[in-house]
């Protein structure tokens, strides 16, 4: 706007200068040339009016252009401010979404740690209980084996005693025989109890006494069967004491 005002002032100064020149010419050329000078002045004035009109129109055009540019600049500024607000809102939404996502990830991570810790504790407890159960089972198995061994030992003693009694019922000791101490017999049998061999050892008695014991063993075949397969012995060792007969 300042530049247009200066141009308008310059234009007014130019008009004044033209008028001043015209007056000087009129004064210098005399009265006879005055009509011609008047026409010239009128022409100059008409030109100046046209120039003034054009200048006014140009100034109005420039003012409208400047106003339009200012409006456009204002619209651009408003649009930019609006876009900045939208971007800030979008950033806020994205930031909030990222925050929620991070919170969810942290929560999931914490839940995973807690879950894994719980599973680890449960597994440790389960392993401990298994170890206790295994120890209890081992102790129980050991006790059962001990009881079974005791039972087998007792049954084996009873089984050998039954064989010994069975032999003694068939043993006739000669009156003339002589015996000193005990005699040990090693007898082999098959699973059916049939005697397959007899060997008398560690016996200080005479031949008649040993022979009567051997005959009694053969006569007692088959031996009583073992209550179960674990008690069966293919070779049975039996000791006889004459004082007990």
Foldseek 3Di string as FASTA:
>chain_A
DVVLVVVVVVLVVVLVVVVVVLVVVDVPPDDVCVVVSVVVNVVVVVVSVVVVVVSVVVVVVVVVVVVVVVVVVVVVVVVVVVVVVVVVVVVVVVVVVVVVVVVVVVVVVVVVVVVVVVVVVVVVVVVVVVVVVVVVVVVVVVVVVVVVVVVLVVLLVVLLVQQVVLLVVQFDQDPPWFFDFKKKKKWFDDQVQFTDDIDIPPTPIDPRRVVSSVVSNNVSPRGDHRPDPVSDDRIDIDMGGVVVD
